Amino acid sequence: MKRQAIPSKNTRLAQQKMILQCQRYRLFGKEEYKFLTHKTGKLTKIHAQPRFLLTELLRILDTEQITMPGYSTFQKIIGAATSDEQKRLNACIRQQVPENIKSEINDLLTMDGQFYQLTALKK
């Protein structure tokens, strides 16, 4: 049996480009990375759950007709956005919450026996 030749990289990329054009999609690149990073920053203010963010990013890619990047790219974008949002919220708390309230919150989050006091309040 004769093996078929594998198309060259140039041939494969040319075919990929034609398919994307026919489907009106664009290849994920630097500009799309910046776009998704910006969108993710806004989304984390609504909900910082990684599963929510991934679902929304996939929806955005579909709506904007952009090819999907690798999984590690999603991890990088979502990880950076959630970290930035946590820093922003911590700064807000440091600047705007009075010391006596901070102290009460810390007391609720201190472990007393086997439960946090906050857990006892919830029950």
C-alpha atoms as a PDB file:
ATOM      1  CA  MET A   1       0.000   0.000   0.000  1.00  0.00           C
ATOM      2  CA  LYS A   2       1.339   3.409  -0.961  1.00  0.00           C
ATOM      3  CA  ARG A   3       1.479   6.138   1.694  1.00  0.00           C
ATOM      4  CA  GLN A   4      -0.049   9.456   0.808  1.00  0.00           C
ATOM      5  CA  ALA A   5       2.142  12.535   1.041  1.00  0.00           C
ATOM      6  CA  ILE A   6       1.431  14.945   3.860  1.00  0.00           C
ATOM      7  CA  PRO A   7       0.733  18.459   2.561  1.00  0.00           C
ATOM      8  CA  SER A   8       3.459  21.009   3.221  1.00  0.00           C
ATOM      9  CA  LYS A   9       3.036  23.626   5.926  1.00  0.00           C
ATOM     10  CA  ASN A  10       2.478  26.333   3.304  1.00  0.00           C
ATOM     11  CA  THR A  11      -0.262  24.263   1.628  1.00  0.00           C
ATOM     12  CA  ARG A  12      -1.947  23.532   4.946  1.00  0.00           C
ATOM     13  CA  LEU A  13      -1.857  27.212   6.008  1.00  0.00           C
ATOM     14  CA  ALA A  14      -3.210  28.350   2.623  1.00  0.00           C
ATOM     15  CA  GLN A  15      -6.103  25.880   2.914  1.00  0.00           C
ATOM     16  CA  GLN A  16      -6.755  26.959   6.492  1.00  0.00           C
ATOM     17  CA  LYS A  17      -6.858  30.599   5.378  1.00  0.00           C
ATOM     18  CA  MET A  18      -9.337  29.795   2.580  1.00  0.00           C
ATOM     19  CA  ILE A  19     -11.605  27.842   4.937  1.00  0.00           C
ATOM     20  CA  LEU A  20     -11.565  30.673   7.486  1.00  0.00           C
ATOM     21  CA  GLN A  21     -12.414  33.210   4.764  1.00  0.00           C
ATOM     22  CA  CYS A  22     -15.284  31.065   3.471  1.00  0.00           C
ATOM     23  CA  GLN A  23     -16.709  30.782   6.988  1.00  0.00           C
ATOM     24  CA  ARG A  24     -15.966  34.464   7.738  1.00  0.00           C
ATOM     25  CA  TYR A  25     -13.813  33.540  10.724  1.00  0.00           C
ATOM     26  CA  ARG A  26     -10.521  35.082  11.700  1.00  0.00           C
ATOM     27  CA  LEU A  27      -7.503  33.415  13.231  1.00  0.00           C
ATOM     28  CA  PHE A  28      -6.811  34.036  16.922  1.00  0.00           C
ATOM     29  CA  GLY A  29      -3.804  36.360  17.231  1.00  0.00           C
ATOM     30  CA  LYS A  30      -2.344  39.212  19.289  1.00  0.00           C
ATOM     31  CA  GLU A  31      -5.251  41.603  18.704  1.00  0.00           C
ATOM     32  CA  GLU A  32      -7.790  38.914  19.623  1.00  0.00           C
ATOM     33  CA  TYR A  33      -5.759  38.119  22.752  1.00  0.00           C
ATOM     34  CA  LYS A  34      -5.949  41.786  23.814  1.00  0.00           C
ATOM     35  CA  PHE A  35      -9.673  41.825  23.005  1.00  0.00           C
ATOM     36  CA  LEU A  36     -10.383  38.716  25.125  1.00  0.00           C
ATOM     37  CA  THR A  37      -8.205  40.013  27.967  1.00  0.00           C
ATOM     38  CA  HIS A  38     -10.189  43.257  28.023  1.00  0.00           C
ATOM     39  CA  LYS A  39     -13.544  41.434  27.919  1.00  0.00           C
ATOM     40  CA  THR A  40     -12.457  39.049  30.699  1.00  0.00           C
ATOM     41  CA  GLY A  41     -11.467  41.990  32.896  1.00  0.00           C
ATOM     42  CA  LYS A  42     -14.993  43.363  32.583  1.00  0.00           C
ATOM     43  CA  LEU A  43     -16.604  39.941  33.098  1.00  0.00           C
ATOM     44  CA  THR A  44     -14.741  39.305  36.376  1.00  0.00           C
ATOM     45  CA  LYS A  45     -16.527  42.311  37.864  1.00  0.00           C
ATOM     46  CA  ILE A  46     -19.804  40.464  37.236  1.00  0.00           C
ATOM     47  CA  HIS A  47     -18.739  36.968  38.240  1.00  0.00           C
ATOM     48  CA  ALA A  48     -15.205  35.694  38.922  1.00  0.00           C
ATOM     49  CA  GLN A  49     -15.974  31.963  38.672  1.00  0.00           C
ATOM     50  CA  PRO A  50     -13.539  30.472  36.091  1.00  0.00           C
ATOM     51  CA  ARG A  51     -16.255  28.224  34.636  1.00  0.00           C
ATOM     52  CA  PHE A  52     -18.495  31.251  33.987  1.00  0.00           C
ATOM     53  CA  LEU A  53     -15.595  33.160  32.439  1.00  0.00           C
ATOM     54  CA  LEU A  54     -14.659  30.293  30.131  1.00  0.00           C
ATOM     55  CA  THR A  55     -18.276  29.861  29.008  1.00  0.00           C
ATOM     56  CA  GLU A  56     -18.552  33.577  28.264  1.00  0.00           C
ATOM     57  CA  LEU A  57     -15.233  33.653  26.405  1.00  0.00           C
ATOM     58  CA  LEU A  58     -16.337  30.734  24.234  1.00  0.00           C
ATOM     59  CA  ARG A  59     -19.597  32.577  23.497  1.00  0.00           C
ATOM     60  CA  ILE A  60     -17.663  35.731  22.576  1.00  0.00           C
ATOM     61  CA  LEU A  61     -15.346  33.790  20.263  1.00  0.00           C
ATOM     62  CA  ASP A  62     -18.350  32.255  18.534  1.00  0.00           C
ATOM     63  CA  THR A  63     -20.186  35.579  18.219  1.00  0.00           C
ATOM     64  CA  GLU A  64     -17.097  37.408  16.939  1.00  0.00           C
ATOM     65  CA  GLN A  65     -16.207  34.448  14.681  1.00  0.00           C
ATOM     66  CA  ILE A  66     -12.695  34.010  16.023  1.00  0.00           C
ATOM     67  CA  THR A  67     -10.932  30.647  16.082  1.00  0.00           C
ATOM     68  CA  MET A  68     -10.411  29.098  19.486  1.00  0.00           C
ATOM     69  CA  PRO A  69      -6.977  29.495  21.120  1.00  0.00           C
ATOM     70  CA  GLY A  70      -5.264  26.741  23.096  1.00  0.00           C
ATOM     71  CA  TYR A  71      -6.401  25.773  26.581  1.00  0.00           C
ATOM     72  CA  SER A  72      -3.311  27.313  28.175  1.00  0.00           C
ATOM     73  CA  THR A  73      -4.239  30.671  26.622  1.00  0.00           C
ATOM     74  CA  PHE A  74      -7.626  30.516  28.344  1.00  0.00           C
ATOM     75  CA  GLN A  75      -5.874  29.628  31.608  1.00  0.00           C
ATOM     76  CA  LYS A  76      -3.523  32.596  31.269  1.00  0.00           C
ATOM     77  CA  ILE A  77      -6.285  35.088  30.427  1.00  0.00           C
ATOM     78  CA  ILE A  78      -8.704  33.887  33.132  1.00  0.00           C
ATOM     79  CA  GLY A  79      -5.974  33.529  35.773  1.00  0.00           C
ATOM     80  CA  ALA A  80      -4.699  37.070  35.182  1.00  0.00           C
ATOM     81  CA  ALA A  81      -8.210  38.546  35.202  1.00  0.00           C
ATOM     82  CA  THR A  82      -9.258  36.855  38.461  1.00  0.00           C
ATOM     83  CA  SER A  83      -5.970  37.830  40.111  1.00  0.00           C
ATOM     84  CA  ASP A  84      -6.373  41.465  38.991  1.00  0.00           C
ATOM     85  CA  GLU A  85      -9.966  41.542  40.258  1.00  0.00           C
ATOM     86  CA  GLN A  86      -8.931  40.132  43.636  1.00  0.00           C
ATOM     87  CA  LYS A  87      -6.248  42.829  43.942  1.00  0.00           C
ATOM     88  CA  ARG A  88      -8.779  45.512  42.991  1.00  0.00           C
ATOM     89  CA  LEU A  89     -11.297  44.299  45.574  1.00  0.00           C
ATOM     90  CA  ASN A  90      -8.653  44.045  48.292  1.00  0.00           C
ATOM     91  CA  ALA A  91      -7.594  47.630  47.569  1.00  0.00           C
ATOM     92  CA  CYS A  92     -11.238  48.776  47.805  1.00  0.00           C
ATOM     93  CA  ILE A  93     -11.653  47.049  51.148  1.00  0.00           C
ATOM     94  CA  ARG A  94      -8.397  48.506  52.509  1.00  0.00           C
ATOM     95  CA  GLN A  95      -9.406  52.006  51.445  1.00  0.00           C
ATOM     96  CA  GLN A  96     -13.130  52.089  52.182  1.00  0.00           C
ATOM     97  CA  VAL A  97     -13.988  49.690  55.011  1.00  0.00           C
ATOM     98  CA  PRO A  98     -13.563  51.135  58.530  1.00  0.00           C
ATOM     99  CA  GLU A  99     -11.124  49.371  60.861  1.00  0.00           C
ATOM    100  CA  ASN A 100     -13.827  48.235  63.327  1.00  0.00           C
ATOM    101  CA  ILE A 101     -15.712  46.463  60.481  1.00  0.00           C
ATOM    102  CA  LYS A 102     -12.485  44.853  59.251  1.00  0.00           C
ATOM    103  CA  SER A 103     -11.884  43.573  62.776  1.00  0.00           C
ATOM    104  CA  GLU A 104     -15.387  42.092  62.989  1.00  0.00           C
ATOM    105  CA  ILE A 105     -14.973  40.385  59.604  1.00  0.00           C
ATOM    106  CA  ASN A 106     -11.643  38.921  60.674  1.00  0.00           C
ATOM    107  CA  ASP A 107     -13.271  37.614  63.861  1.00  0.00           C
ATOM    108  CA  LEU A 108     -15.953  35.877  61.772  1.00  0.00           C
ATOM    109  CA  LEU A 109     -13.288  34.295  59.583  1.00  0.00           C
ATOM    110  CA  THR A 110     -11.217  33.017  62.528  1.00  0.00           C
ATOM    111  CA  MET A 111     -11.540  29.320  63.237  1.00  0.00           C
ATOM    112  CA  ASP A 112     -13.091  28.569  66.614  1.00  0.00           C
ATOM    113  CA  GLY A 113     -12.930  24.865  67.341  1.00  0.00           C
ATOM    114  CA  GLN A 114     -13.960  23.062  64.174  1.00  0.00           C
ATOM    115  CA  PHE A 115     -16.091  25.831  62.662  1.00  0.00           C
ATOM    116  CA  TYR A 116     -15.578  29.345  61.485  1.00  0.00           C
ATOM    117  CA  GLN A 117     -17.915  31.707  63.308  1.00  0.00           C
ATOM    118  CA  LEU A 118     -19.319  32.693  59.930  1.00  0.00           C
ATOM    119  CA  THR A 119     -20.349  29.058  59.342  1.00  0.00           C
ATOM    120  CA  ALA A 120     -22.199  29.041  62.655  1.00  0.00           C
ATOM    121  CA  LEU A 121     -24.038  32.238  61.684  1.00  0.00           C
ATOM    122  CA  LYS A 122     -25.066  30.726  58.343  1.00  0.00           C
ATOM    123  CA  LYS A 123     -26.491  27.646  60.069  1.00  0.00           C
END
